[in-house]
C-alpha atoms as a PDB file:
ATOM      1  CA  MET A   1       0.610 205.219 119.494  1.00  0.00           C
ATOM      2  CA  THR A   2       3.763 207.107 120.432  1.00  0.00           C
ATOM      3  CA  THR A   3       4.584 210.583 119.187  1.00  0.00           C
ATOM      4  CA  THR A   4       7.330 209.138 117.002  1.00  0.00           C
ATOM      5  CA  GLN A   5       4.902 206.708 115.418  1.00  0.00           C
ATOM      6  CA  GLN A   6       2.436 209.533 114.800  1.00  0.00           C
ATOM      7  CA  LEU A   7       5.155 211.601 113.113  1.00  0.00           C
ATOM      8  CA  VAL A   8       6.122 208.673 110.889  1.00  0.00           C
ATOM      9  CA  GLN A   9       2.473 208.171 109.968  1.00  0.00           C
ATOM     10  CA  LEU A  10       2.163 211.873 109.148  1.00  0.00           C
ATOM     11  CA  MET A  11       5.244 211.730 106.936  1.00  0.00           C
ATOM     12  CA  GLN A  12       3.812 208.704 105.131  1.00  0.00           C
ATOM     13  CA  LEU A  13       0.519 210.504 104.494  1.00  0.00           C
ATOM     14  CA  GLU A  14       2.354 213.548 103.141  1.00  0.00           C
ATOM     15  CA  GLU A  15       4.465 211.359 100.859  1.00  0.00           C
ATOM     16  CA  ARG A  16       1.369 209.597  99.540  1.00  0.00           C
ATOM     17  CA  ALA A  17      -0.213 212.976  98.785  1.00  0.00           C
ATOM     18  CA  ARG A  18       2.897 214.044  96.864  1.00  0.00           C
ATOM     19  CA  THR A  19       2.957 210.877  94.755  1.00  0.00           C
ATOM     20  CA  CYS A  20      -0.747 210.722  93.856  1.00  0.00           C
ATOM     21  CA  THR A  21      -1.634 210.617  90.212  1.00  0.00           C
ATOM     22  CA  ASN A  22      -4.896 212.522  90.571  1.00  0.00           C
ATOM     23  CA  ARG A  23      -6.032 215.547  92.527  1.00  0.00           C
ATOM     24  CA  ALA A  24      -9.018 213.893  94.235  1.00  0.00           C
ATOM     25  CA  GLU A  25      -6.877 211.198  95.814  1.00  0.00           C
ATOM     26  CA  ALA A  26      -4.246 213.742  96.846  1.00  0.00           C
ATOM     27  CA  ARG A  27      -6.887 215.873  98.572  1.00  0.00           C
ATOM     28  CA  LEU A  28      -7.945 212.900 100.681  1.00  0.00           C
ATOM     29  CA  PHE A  29      -4.378 212.299 101.837  1.00  0.00           C
ATOM     30  CA  ILE A  30      -3.865 216.008 102.484  1.00  0.00           C
ATOM     31  CA  ALA A  31      -6.998 216.120 104.641  1.00  0.00           C
ATOM     32  CA  ASP A  32      -5.781 213.102 106.609  1.00  0.00           C
ATOM     33  CA  ALA A  33      -2.358 214.713 107.052  1.00  0.00           C
ATOM     34  CA  GLU A  34      -3.909 217.971 108.275  1.00  0.00           C
ATOM     35  CA  ALA A  35      -5.980 216.042 110.819  1.00  0.00           C
ATOM     36  CA  ALA A  36      -2.847 214.241 112.007  1.00  0.00           C
ATOM     37  CA  LYS A  37      -1.054 217.587 112.388  1.00  0.00           C
ATOM     38  CA  ARG A  38      -3.904 218.999 114.463  1.00  0.00           C
ATOM     39  CA  LYS A  39      -3.818 215.899 116.663  1.00  0.00           C
ATOM     40  CA  LEU A  40      -0.073 216.263 117.211  1.00  0.00           C
ATOM     41  CA  TRP A  41       0.271 220.030 117.565  1.00  0.00           C
ATOM     42  CA  GLY A  42      -3.186 221.412 118.177  1.00  0.00           C
ATOM     43  CA  ASN A  43      -4.891 224.078 116.140  1.00  0.00           C
ATOM     44  CA  SER A  44      -2.700 227.147 116.694  1.00  0.00           C
ATOM     45  CA  ALA A  45      -1.586 229.284 113.757  1.00  0.00           C
ATOM     46  CA  ASP A  46       2.085 228.546 114.415  1.00  0.00           C
ATOM     47  CA  ALA A  47       1.467 224.802 114.411  1.00  0.00           C
ATOM     48  CA  LEU A  48      -0.203 224.930 111.011  1.00  0.00           C
ATOM     49  CA  ARG A  49       2.770 226.608 109.314  1.00  0.00           C
ATOM     50  CA  THR A  50       4.563 223.903 107.365  1.00  0.00           C
ATOM     51  CA  HIS A  51       7.135 226.084 105.597  1.00  0.00           C
ATOM     52  CA  PHE A  52       9.779 228.131 107.349  1.00  0.00           C
END
């Protein structure tokens, strides 16, 4: 999978988390999105910052 495809997948996971109707389902998507972020950018503190 290319980096672009991974970014698109990450964006889709984040969107699914935002549109969930219950907290339990949202948490699952958030966990998947966090794992995708770590895969793309590693585990550094700067990489985990999502807001500027």
